[in-house]
Amino acid sequence: MHADRGSAIRAEGLAQLLGSLGVVRSFSLAHVSDDNTFSESQFKTLKYQPDYPDRFASLTHACSWCQEFFSWCNDLHQHSGLALFTPADVFFGRVEDVAARR
């Protein structure tokens, strides 16, 4: 099998997997999209967590750890880029209420 063809087959399989998981592809122009900035920031937050494992023991372990991380990140972690509000506060329109309580 030619290397380019093998890469295309693997990429197509990955695209199908991501699609089945509800991941939507972004077709932004190169060097224009801000998608990567947010993704890189989230990966840095994830990898610098004190309890981030060197290796996951299994797919179940990885899914479980990530589920806890994303719950914390979205619902509890006050993001500096969101004026120390949580993403859930911003998404659900609770910023004014939270600010008033502060």
PDB file of N, CA and C in Angstrom:
ATOM      1  N   MET A   1       0.857  -1.172   0.000  1.00  0.00           N
ATOM      2  CA  MET A   1       0.000   0.000   0.000  1.00  0.00           C
ATOM      3  C   MET A   1       0.900   1.232   0.000  1.00  0.00           C
ATOM      4  N   HIS A   2       0.609   2.188  -0.835  1.00  0.00           N
ATOM      5  CA  HIS A   2       1.340   3.441  -0.922  1.00  0.00           C
ATOM      6  C   HIS A   2       1.107   4.257   0.347  1.00  0.00           C
ATOM      7  N   ALA A   3       2.134   4.936   0.850  1.00  0.00           N
ATOM      8  CA  ALA A   3       2.043   5.666   2.127  1.00  0.00           C
ATOM      9  C   ALA A   3       0.943   6.724   2.103  1.00  0.00           C
ATOM     10  N   ASP A   4       0.823   7.446   0.985  1.00  0.00           N
ATOM     11  CA  ASP A   4      -0.208   8.489   0.914  1.00  0.00           C
ATOM     12  C   ASP A   4      -1.603   7.887   0.984  1.00  0.00           C
ATOM     13  N   ARG A   5      -1.804   6.778   0.312  1.00  0.00           N
ATOM     14  CA  ARG A   5      -3.104   6.113   0.333  1.00  0.00           C
ATOM     15  C   ARG A   5      -3.410   5.612   1.747  1.00  0.00           C
ATOM     16  N   GLY A   6      -2.427   5.045   2.436  1.00  0.00           N
ATOM     17  CA  GLY A   6      -2.613   4.567   3.803  1.00  0.00           C
ATOM     18  C   GLY A   6      -2.977   5.708   4.739  1.00  0.00           C
ATOM     19  N   SER A   7      -2.323   6.840   4.582  1.00  0.00           N
ATOM     20  CA  SER A   7      -2.635   8.004   5.411  1.00  0.00           C
ATOM     21  C   SER A   7      -4.056   8.485   5.162  1.00  0.00           C
ATOM     22  N   ALA A   8      -4.455   8.484   3.893  1.00  0.00           N
ATOM     23  CA  ALA A   8      -5.810   8.926   3.557  1.00  0.00           C
ATOM     24  C   ALA A   8      -6.843   7.984   4.161  1.00  0.00           C
ATOM     25  N   ILE A   9      -6.567   6.696   4.133  1.00  0.00           N
ATOM     26  CA  ILE A   9      -7.499   5.726   4.702  1.00  0.00           C
ATOM     27  C   ILE A   9      -7.601   5.928   6.205  1.00  0.00           C
ATOM     28  N   ARG A  10      -6.472   6.102   6.892  1.00  0.00           N
ATOM     29  CA  ARG A  10      -6.499   6.323   8.335  1.00  0.00           C
ATOM     30  C   ARG A  10      -7.204   7.640   8.665  1.00  0.00           C
ATOM     31  N   ALA A  11      -6.936   8.677   7.885  1.00  0.00           N
ATOM     32  CA  ALA A  11      -7.577   9.972   8.126  1.00  0.00           C
ATOM     33  C   ALA A  11      -9.085   9.864   7.925  1.00  0.00           C
ATOM     34  N   GLU A  12      -9.491   9.130   6.901  1.00  0.00           N
ATOM     35  CA  GLU A  12     -10.924   8.945   6.653  1.00  0.00           C
ATOM     36  C   GLU A  12     -11.561   8.189   7.809  1.00  0.00           C
ATOM     37  N   GLY A  13     -10.891   7.166   8.312  1.00  0.00           N
ATOM     38  CA  GLY A  13     -11.402   6.413   9.458  1.00  0.00           C
ATOM     39  C   GLY A  13     -11.516   7.291  10.693  1.00  0.00           C
ATOM     40  N   LEU A  14     -10.521   8.153  10.921  1.00  0.00           N
ATOM     41  CA  LEU A  14     -10.567   9.073  12.053  1.00  0.00           C
ATOM     42  C   LEU A  14     -11.723  10.058  11.890  1.00  0.00           C
ATOM     43  N   ALA A  15     -11.902  10.576  10.683  1.00  0.00           N
ATOM     44  CA  ALA A  15     -13.000  11.510  10.432  1.00  0.00           C
ATOM     45  C   ALA A  15     -14.347  10.840  10.700  1.00  0.00           C
ATOM     46  N   GLN A  16     -14.488   9.584  10.318  1.00  0.00           N
ATOM     47  CA  GLN A  16     -15.733   8.859  10.582  1.00  0.00           C
ATOM     48  C   GLN A  16     -15.943   8.658  12.077  1.00  0.00           C
ATOM     49  N   LEU A  17     -14.879   8.300  12.785  1.00  0.00           N
ATOM     50  CA  LEU A  17     -14.975   8.118  14.232  1.00  0.00           C
ATOM     51  C   LEU A  17     -15.384   9.425  14.903  1.00  0.00           C
ATOM     52  N   LEU A  18     -14.707  10.509  14.557  1.00  0.00           N
ATOM     53  CA  LEU A  18     -15.040  11.792  15.166  1.00  0.00           C
ATOM     54  C   LEU A  18     -16.474  12.204  14.834  1.00  0.00           C
ATOM     55  N   GLY A  19     -16.905  11.957  13.608  1.00  0.00           N
ATOM     56  CA  GLY A  19     -18.278  12.263  13.221  1.00  0.00           C
ATOM     57  C   GLY A  19     -19.279  11.467  14.036  1.00  0.00           C
ATOM     58  N   SER A  20     -18.981  10.193  14.288  1.00  0.00           N
ATOM     59  CA  SER A  20     -19.894   9.370  15.080  1.00  0.00           C
ATOM     60  C   SER A  20     -19.960   9.832  16.531  1.00  0.00           C
ATOM     61  N   LEU A  21     -18.913  10.540  16.992  1.00  0.00           N
ATOM     62  CA  LEU A  21     -18.890  11.078  18.350  1.00  0.00           C
ATOM     63  C   LEU A  21     -19.475  12.488  18.429  1.00  0.00           C
ATOM     64  N   GLY A  22     -19.937  13.007  17.284  1.00  0.00           N
ATOM     65  CA  GLY A  22     -20.564  14.321  17.270  1.00  0.00           C
ATOM     66  C   GLY A  22     -19.596  15.480  17.111  1.00  0.00           C
ATOM     67  N   VAL A  23     -18.339  15.185  16.748  1.00  0.00           N
ATOM     68  CA  VAL A  23     -17.359  16.246  16.538  1.00  0.00           C
ATOM     69  C   VAL A  23     -17.587  16.842  15.152  1.00  0.00           C
ATOM     70  N   VAL A  24     -17.715  18.157  15.089  1.00  0.00           N
ATOM     71  CA  VAL A  24     -17.982  18.845  13.834  1.00  0.00           C
ATOM     72  C   VAL A  24     -16.680  19.413  13.285  1.00  0.00           C
ATOM     73  N   ARG A  25     -16.431  19.203  12.009  1.00  0.00           N
ATOM     74  CA  ARG A  25     -15.211  19.707  11.368  1.00  0.00           C
ATOM     75  C   ARG A  25     -15.312  21.208  11.158  1.00  0.00           C
ATOM     76  N   SER A  26     -14.186  21.881  11.319  1.00  0.00           N
ATOM     77  CA  SER A  26     -14.097  23.311  11.058  1.00  0.00           C
ATOM     78  C   SER A  26     -13.398  23.497   9.725  1.00  0.00           C
ATOM     79  N   PHE A  27     -13.963  24.302   8.853  1.00  0.00           N
ATOM     80  CA  PHE A  27     -13.373  24.550   7.550  1.00  0.00           C
ATOM     81  C   PHE A  27     -12.884  25.987   7.449  1.00  0.00           C
ATOM     82  N   SER A  28     -12.273  26.471   8.511  1.00  0.00           N
ATOM     83  CA  SER A  28     -11.752  27.829   8.528  1.00  0.00           C
ATOM     84  C   SER A  28     -10.544  27.936   7.608  1.00  0.00           C
ATOM     85  N   LEU A  29     -10.273  29.144   7.170  1.00  0.00           N
ATOM     86  CA  LEU A  29      -9.099  29.380   6.342  1.00  0.00           C
ATOM     87  C   LEU A  29      -7.840  29.189   7.174  1.00  0.00           C
ATOM     88  N   ALA A  30      -6.785  28.784   6.521  1.00  0.00           N
ATOM     89  CA  ALA A  30      -5.515  28.601   7.222  1.00  0.00           C
ATOM     90  C   ALA A  30      -5.037  29.922   7.813  1.00  0.00           C
ATOM     91  N   HIS A  31      -4.502  29.872   9.003  1.00  0.00           N
ATOM     92  CA  HIS A  31      -3.929  31.025   9.710  1.00  0.00           C
ATOM     93  C   HIS A  31      -4.954  32.103  10.051  1.00  0.00           C
ATOM     94  N   VAL A  32      -6.240  31.778   9.998  1.00  0.00           N
ATOM     95  CA  VAL A  32      -7.281  32.756  10.302  1.00  0.00           C
ATOM     96  C   VAL A  32      -8.114  32.321  11.501  1.00  0.00           C
ATOM     97  N   SER A  33      -8.330  31.038  11.623  1.00  0.00           N
ATOM     98  CA  SER A  33      -9.225  30.530  12.650  1.00  0.00           C
ATOM     99  C   SER A  33      -8.670  30.735  14.056  1.00  0.00           C
ATOM    100  N   ASP A  34      -9.560  31.026  14.996  1.00  0.00           N
ATOM    101  CA  ASP A  34      -9.131  31.096  16.396  1.00  0.00           C
ATOM    102  C   ASP A  34      -9.424  29.775  17.118  1.00  0.00           C
ATOM    103  N   ASP A  35      -9.911  28.766  16.397  1.00  0.00           N
ATOM    104  CA  ASP A  35     -10.184  27.459  17.005  1.00  0.00           C
ATOM    105  C   ASP A  35      -8.947  26.905  17.689  1.00  0.00           C
ATOM    106  N   ASN A  36      -7.811  26.982  17.020  1.00  0.00           N
ATOM    107  CA  ASN A  36      -6.592  26.385  17.542  1.00  0.00           C
ATOM    108  C   ASN A  36      -6.159  27.054  18.847  1.00  0.00           C
ATOM    109  N   THR A  37      -6.321  28.350  18.953  1.00  0.00           N
ATOM    110  CA  THR A  37      -5.937  29.066  20.167  1.00  0.00           C
ATOM    111  C   THR A  37      -6.680  28.514  21.370  1.00  0.00           C
ATOM    112  N   PHE A  38      -7.985  28.330  21.243  1.00  0.00           N
ATOM    113  CA  PHE A  38      -8.783  27.809  22.349  1.00  0.00           C
ATOM    114  C   PHE A  38      -8.417  26.364  22.655  1.00  0.00           C
ATOM    115  N   SER A  39      -8.196  25.568  21.626  1.00  0.00           N
ATOM    116  CA  SER A  39      -7.820  24.171  21.821  1.00  0.00           C
ATOM    117  C   SER A  39      -6.476  24.053  22.527  1.00  0.00           C
ATOM    118  N   GLU A  40      -5.498  24.843  22.089  1.00  0.00           N
ATOM    119  CA  GLU A  40      -4.179  24.799  22.711  1.00  0.00           C
ATOM    120  C   GLU A  40      -4.259  25.210  24.173  1.00  0.00           C
ATOM    121  N   SER A  41      -5.045  26.219  24.479  1.00  0.00           N
ATOM    122  CA  SER A  41      -5.202  26.666  25.860  1.00  0.00           C
ATOM    123  C   SER A  41      -5.820  25.562  26.710  1.00  0.00           C
ATOM    124  N   GLN A  42      -6.836  24.909  26.178  1.00  0.00           N
ATOM    125  CA  GLN A  42      -7.488  23.829  26.925  1.00  0.00           C
ATOM    126  C   GLN A  42      -6.539  22.657  27.145  1.00  0.00           C
ATOM    127  N   PHE A  43      -5.748  22.299  26.109  1.00  0.00           N
ATOM    128  CA  PHE A  43      -4.788  21.207  26.265  1.00  0.00           C
ATOM    129  C   PHE A  43      -3.744  21.548  27.325  1.00  0.00           C
ATOM    130  N   LYS A  44      -3.294  22.808  27.356  1.00  0.00           N
ATOM    131  CA  LYS A  44      -2.306  23.196  28.367  1.00  0.00           C
ATOM    132  C   LYS A  44      -2.911  23.072  29.764  1.00  0.00           C
ATOM    133  N   THR A  45      -4.143  23.557  29.941  1.00  0.00           N
ATOM    134  CA  THR A  45      -4.806  23.438  31.236  1.00  0.00           C
ATOM    135  C   THR A  45      -4.927  21.971  31.637  1.00  0.00           C
ATOM    136  N   LEU A  46      -5.304  21.127  30.690  1.00  0.00           N
ATOM    137  CA  LEU A  46      -5.470  19.698  30.946  1.00  0.00           C
ATOM    138  C   LEU A  46      -4.140  19.055  31.350  1.00  0.00           C
ATOM    139  N   LYS A  47      -3.094  19.293  30.572  1.00  0.00           N
ATOM    140  CA  LYS A  47      -1.824  18.603  30.803  1.00  0.00           C
ATOM    141  C   LYS A  47      -1.077  19.106  32.028  1.00  0.00           C
ATOM    142  N   TYR A  48      -1.399  20.301  32.506  1.00  0.00           N
ATOM    143  CA  TYR A  48      -0.720  20.828  33.689  1.00  0.00           C
ATOM    144  C   TYR A  48      -1.512  20.604  34.971  1.00  0.00           C
ATOM    145  N   GLN A  49      -2.579  19.839  34.887  1.00  0.00           N
ATOM    146  CA  GLN A  49      -3.320  19.463  36.091  1.00  0.00           C
ATOM    147  C   GLN A  49      -2.422  18.599  36.970  1.00  0.00           C
ATOM    148  N   PRO A  50      -2.422  18.828  38.269  1.00  0.00           N
ATOM    149  CA  PRO A  50      -1.559  18.026  39.152  1.00  0.00           C
ATOM    150  C   PRO A  50      -1.830  16.523  39.083  1.00  0.00           C
ATOM    151  N   ASP A  51      -3.062  16.137  38.798  1.00  0.00           N
ATOM    152  CA  ASP A  51      -3.383  14.707  38.773  1.00  0.00           C
ATOM    153  C   ASP A  51      -3.378  14.112  37.361  1.00  0.00           C
ATOM    154  N   TYR A  52      -2.860  14.880  36.373  1.00  0.00           N
ATOM    155  CA  TYR A  52      -2.796  14.353  35.002  1.00  0.00           C
ATOM    156  C   TYR A  52      -1.824  13.171  34.981  1.00  0.00           C
ATOM    157  N   PRO A  53      -2.288  11.999  34.563  1.00  0.00           N
ATOM    158  CA  PRO A  53      -1.419  10.816  34.603  1.00  0.00           C
ATOM    159  C   PRO A  53      -0.360  10.833  33.497  1.00  0.00           C
ATOM    160  N   ASP A  54       0.779  10.206  33.778  1.00  0.00           N
ATOM    161  CA  ASP A  54       1.801  10.064  32.733  1.00  0.00           C
ATOM    162  C   ASP A  54       1.258   9.234  31.576  1.00  0.00           C
ATOM    163  N   ARG A  55       0.497   8.201  31.928  1.00  0.00           N
ATOM    164  CA  ARG A  55      -0.155   7.343  30.930  1.00  0.00           C
ATOM    165  C   ARG A  55      -1.504   6.925  31.495  1.00  0.00           C
ATOM    166  N   PHE A  56      -2.455   6.746  30.612  1.00  0.00           N
ATOM    167  CA  PHE A  56      -3.753   6.222  31.028  1.00  0.00           C
ATOM    168  C   PHE A  56      -3.685   4.702  30.975  1.00  0.00           C
ATOM    169  N   ALA A  57      -4.245   4.067  31.972  1.00  0.00           N
ATOM    170  CA  ALA A  57      -4.204   2.605  32.050  1.00  0.00           C
ATOM    171  C   ALA A  57      -5.074   1.953  30.978  1.00  0.00           C
ATOM    172  N   SER A  58      -6.118   2.659  30.559  1.00  0.00           N
ATOM    173  CA  SER A  58      -7.039   2.088  29.571  1.00  0.00           C
ATOM    174  C   SER A  58      -7.874   3.216  28.976  1.00  0.00           C
ATOM    175  N   LEU A  59      -8.634   2.893  27.962  1.00  0.00           N
ATOM    176  CA  LEU A  59      -9.550   3.867  27.375  1.00  0.00           C
ATOM    177  C   LEU A  59     -10.583   4.302  28.406  1.00  0.00           C
ATOM    178  N   THR A  60     -11.039   3.368  29.218  1.00  0.00           N
ATOM    179  CA  THR A  60     -12.011   3.690  30.273  1.00  0.00           C
ATOM    180  C   THR A  60     -11.413   4.677  31.266  1.00  0.00           C
ATOM    181  N   HIS A  61     -10.168   4.460  31.652  1.00  0.00           N
ATOM    182  CA  HIS A  61      -9.475   5.374  32.560  1.00  0.00           C
ATOM    183  C   HIS A  61      -9.378   6.767  31.940  1.00  0.00           C
ATOM    184  N   ALA A  62      -8.995   6.853  30.665  1.00  0.00           N
ATOM    185  CA  ALA A  62      -8.876   8.139  29.974  1.00  0.00           C
ATOM    186  C   ALA A  62     -10.231   8.854  29.905  1.00  0.00           C
ATOM    187  N   CYS A  63     -11.263   8.123  29.551  1.00  0.00           N
ATOM    188  CA  CYS A  63     -12.602   8.727  29.455  1.00  0.00           C
ATOM    189  C   CYS A  63     -13.080   9.229  30.808  1.00  0.00           C
ATOM    190  N   SER A  64     -12.854   8.441  31.834  1.00  0.00           N
ATOM    191  CA  SER A  64     -13.265   8.815  33.183  1.00  0.00           C
ATOM    192  C   SER A  64     -12.519  10.060  33.658  1.00  0.00           C
ATOM    193  N   TRP A  65     -11.198  10.074  33.445  1.00  0.00           N
ATOM    194  CA  TRP A  65     -10.399  11.221  33.875  1.00  0.00           C
ATOM    195  C   TRP A  65     -10.832  12.475  33.122  1.00  0.00           C
ATOM    196  N   CYS A  66     -11.018  12.360  31.815  1.00  0.00           N
ATOM    197  CA  CYS A  66     -11.417  13.517  31.011  1.00  0.00           C
ATOM    198  C   CYS A  66     -12.813  14.011  31.382  1.00  0.00           C
ATOM    199  N   GLN A  67     -13.714  13.114  31.687  1.00  0.00           N
ATOM    200  CA  GLN A  67     -15.064  13.526  32.081  1.00  0.00           C
ATOM    201  C   GLN A  67     -15.002  14.372  33.352  1.00  0.00           C
ATOM    202  N   GLU A  68     -14.208  13.942  34.322  1.00  0.00           N
ATOM    203  CA  GLU A  68     -14.054  14.727  35.553  1.00  0.00           C
ATOM    204  C   GLU A  68     -13.375  16.063  35.273  1.00  0.00           C
ATOM    205  N   PHE A  69     -12.345  16.041  34.424  1.00  0.00           N
ATOM    206  CA  PHE A  69     -11.632  17.271  34.096  1.00  0.00           C
ATOM    207  C   PHE A  69     -12.557  18.279  33.433  1.00  0.00           C
ATOM    208  N   PHE A  70     -13.306  17.846  32.421  1.00  0.00           N
ATOM    209  CA  PHE A  70     -14.153  18.789  31.690  1.00  0.00           C
ATOM    210  C   PHE A  70     -15.307  19.298  32.552  1.00  0.00           C
ATOM    211  N   SER A  71     -15.807  18.485  33.451  1.00  0.00           N
ATOM    212  CA  SER A  71     -16.830  18.969  34.391  1.00  0.00           C
ATOM    213  C   SER A  71     -16.245  20.073  35.268  1.00  0.00           C
ATOM    214  N   TRP A  72     -15.042  19.829  35.803  1.00  0.00           N
ATOM    215  CA  TRP A  72     -14.371  20.840  36.622  1.00  0.00           C
ATOM    216  C   TRP A  72     -14.083  22.100  35.802  1.00  0.00           C
ATOM    217  N   CYS A  73     -13.527  21.908  34.612  1.00  0.00           N
ATOM    218  CA  CYS A  73     -13.115  23.034  33.776  1.00  0.00           C
ATOM    219  C   CYS A  73     -14.305  23.905  33.370  1.00  0.00           C
ATOM    220  N   ASN A  74     -15.418  23.293  33.041  1.00  0.00           N
ATOM    221  CA  ASN A  74     -16.586  24.043  32.582  1.00  0.00           C
ATOM    222  C   ASN A  74     -17.428  24.616  33.713  1.00  0.00           C
ATOM    223  N   ASP A  75     -17.499  23.907  34.838  1.00  0.00           N
ATOM    224  CA  ASP A  75     -18.433  24.300  35.891  1.00  0.00           C
ATOM    225  C   ASP A  75     -17.798  24.952  37.114  1.00  0.00           C
ATOM    226  N   LEU A  76     -16.511  24.710  37.358  1.00  0.00           N
ATOM    227  CA  LEU A  76     -15.883  25.211  38.583  1.00  0.00           C
ATOM    228  C   LEU A  76     -14.690  26.141  38.355  1.00  0.00           C
ATOM    229  N   HIS A  77     -13.901  25.868  37.319  1.00  0.00           N
ATOM    230  CA  HIS A  77     -12.666  26.613  37.079  1.00  0.00           C
ATOM    231  C   HIS A  77     -12.975  28.017  36.554  1.00  0.00           C
ATOM    232  N   GLN A  78     -12.485  29.024  37.276  1.00  0.00           N
ATOM    233  CA  GLN A  78     -12.677  30.408  36.852  1.00  0.00           C
ATOM    234  C   GLN A  78     -11.570  30.764  35.867  1.00  0.00           C
ATOM    235  N   HIS A  79     -11.943  30.989  34.620  1.00  0.00           N
ATOM    236  CA  HIS A  79     -10.988  31.209  33.541  1.00  0.00           C
ATOM    237  C   HIS A  79     -10.564  32.676  33.477  1.00  0.00           C
ATOM    238  N   SER A  80      -9.260  32.901  33.395  1.00  0.00           N
ATOM    239  CA  SER A  80      -8.760  34.276  33.305  1.00  0.00           C
ATOM    240  C   SER A  80      -9.246  34.961  32.031  1.00  0.00           C
ATOM    241  N   GLY A  81      -9.387  34.220  30.953  1.00  0.00           N
ATOM    242  CA  GLY A  81      -9.860  34.789  29.691  1.00  0.00           C
ATOM    243  C   GLY A  81     -11.346  35.121  29.696  1.00  0.00           C
ATOM    244  N   LEU A  82     -12.055  34.716  30.756  1.00  0.00           N
ATOM    245  CA  LEU A  82     -13.487  35.002  30.886  1.00  0.00           C
ATOM    246  C   LEU A  82     -13.736  35.880  32.117  1.00  0.00           C
ATOM    247  N   ALA A  83     -12.759  36.719  32.449  1.00  0.00           N
ATOM    248  CA  ALA A  83     -12.872  37.622  33.601  1.00  0.00           C
ATOM    249  C   ALA A  83     -13.161  36.849  34.889  1.00  0.00           C
ATOM    250  N   LEU A  84     -12.555  35.681  35.000  1.00  0.00           N
ATOM    251  CA  LEU A  84     -12.684  34.789  36.160  1.00  0.00           C
ATOM    252  C   LEU A  84     -14.099  34.244  36.368  1.00  0.00           C
ATOM    253  N   PHE A  85     -14.834  34.127  35.284  1.00  0.00           N
ATOM    254  CA  PHE A  85     -16.113  33.417  35.299  1.00  0.00           C
ATOM    255  C   PHE A  85     -15.865  32.028  34.727  1.00  0.00           C
ATOM    256  N   THR A  86     -16.763  31.114  35.004  1.00  0.00           N
ATOM    257  CA  THR A  86     -16.650  29.774  34.428  1.00  0.00           C
ATOM    258  C   THR A  86     -17.296  29.779  33.043  1.00  0.00           C
ATOM    259  N   PRO A  87     -16.910  28.859  32.172  1.00  0.00           N
ATOM    260  CA  PRO A  87     -17.579  28.765  30.879  1.00  0.00           C
ATOM    261  C   PRO A  87     -19.088  28.549  31.037  1.00  0.00           C
ATOM    262  N   ALA A  88     -19.494  27.780  32.046  1.00  0.00           N
ATOM    263  CA  ALA A  88     -20.928  27.548  32.269  1.00  0.00           C
ATOM    264  C   ALA A  88     -21.631  28.852  32.636  1.00  0.00           C
ATOM    265  N   ASP A  89     -20.988  29.700  33.462  1.00  0.00           N
ATOM    266  CA  ASP A  89     -21.582  30.996  33.802  1.00  0.00           C
ATOM    267  C   ASP A  89     -21.839  31.817  32.545  1.00  0.00           C
ATOM    268  N   VAL A  90     -20.845  31.835  31.666  1.00  0.00           N
ATOM    269  CA  VAL A  90     -20.976  32.621  30.429  1.00  0.00           C
ATOM    270  C   VAL A  90     -22.020  31.995  29.511  1.00  0.00           C
ATOM    271  N   PHE A  91     -21.937  30.694  29.288  1.00  0.00           N
ATOM    272  CA  PHE A  91     -22.837  30.009  28.363  1.00  0.00           C
ATOM    273  C   PHE A  91     -24.292  30.121  28.793  1.00  0.00           C
ATOM    274  N   PHE A  92     -24.545  29.964  30.085  1.00  0.00           N
ATOM    275  CA  PHE A  92     -25.925  29.978  30.573  1.00  0.00           C
ATOM    276  C   PHE A  92     -26.395  31.366  31.006  1.00  0.00           C
ATOM    277  N   GLY A  93     -25.607  32.412  30.727  1.00  0.00           N
ATOM    278  CA  GLY A  93     -26.029  33.783  30.997  1.00  0.00           C
ATOM    279  C   GLY A  93     -26.103  34.130  32.478  1.00  0.00           C
ATOM    280  N   ARG A  94     -25.222  33.556  33.291  1.00  0.00           N
ATOM    281  CA  ARG A  94     -25.249  33.810  34.730  1.00  0.00           C
ATOM    282  C   ARG A  94     -24.219  34.838  35.178  1.00  0.00           C
ATOM    283  N   VAL A  95     -23.521  35.478  34.261  1.00  0.00           N
ATOM    284  CA  VAL A  95     -22.421  36.376  34.608  1.00  0.00           C
ATOM    285  C   VAL A  95     -22.890  37.511  35.514  1.00  0.00           C
ATOM    286  N   GLU A  96     -23.973  38.165  35.172  1.00  0.00           N
ATOM    287  CA  GLU A  96     -24.445  39.294  35.993  1.00  0.00           C
ATOM    288  C   GLU A  96     -24.798  38.849  37.408  1.00  0.00           C
ATOM    289  N   ASP A  97     -25.465  37.724  37.554  1.00  0.00           N
ATOM    290  CA  ASP A  97     -25.836  37.203  38.866  1.00  0.00           C
ATOM    291  C   ASP A  97     -24.603  36.855  39.696  1.00  0.00           C
ATOM    292  N   VAL A  98     -23.646  36.170  39.062  1.00  0.00           N
ATOM    293  CA  VAL A  98     -22.427  35.786  39.763  1.00  0.00           C
ATOM    294  C   VAL A  98     -21.633  37.027  40.163  1.00  0.00           C
ATOM    295  N   ALA A  99     -21.531  38.005  39.259  1.00  0.00           N
ATOM    296  CA  ALA A  99     -20.811  39.241  39.559  1.00  0.00           C
ATOM    297  C   ALA A  99     -21.461  39.984  40.718  1.00  0.00           C
ATOM    298  N   ALA A 100     -22.779  40.003  40.766  1.00  0.00           N
ATOM    299  CA  ALA A 100     -23.482  40.684  41.860  1.00  0.00           C
ATOM    300  C   ALA A 100     -23.220  40.008  43.206  1.00  0.00           C
ATOM    301  N   ARG A 101     -23.092  38.689  43.208  1.00  0.00           N
ATOM    302  CA  ARG A 101     -22.813  37.958  44.446  1.00  0.00           C
ATOM    303  C   ARG A 101     -21.379  38.148  44.915  1.00  0.00           C
ATOM    304  N   ARG A 102     -20.480  38.460  43.980  1.00  0.00           N
ATOM    305  CA  ARG A 102     -19.073  38.650  44.341  1.00  0.00           C
ATOM    306  C   ARG A 102     -18.958  39.956  45.089  1.00  0.00           C
TER     307      ARG A 102
END
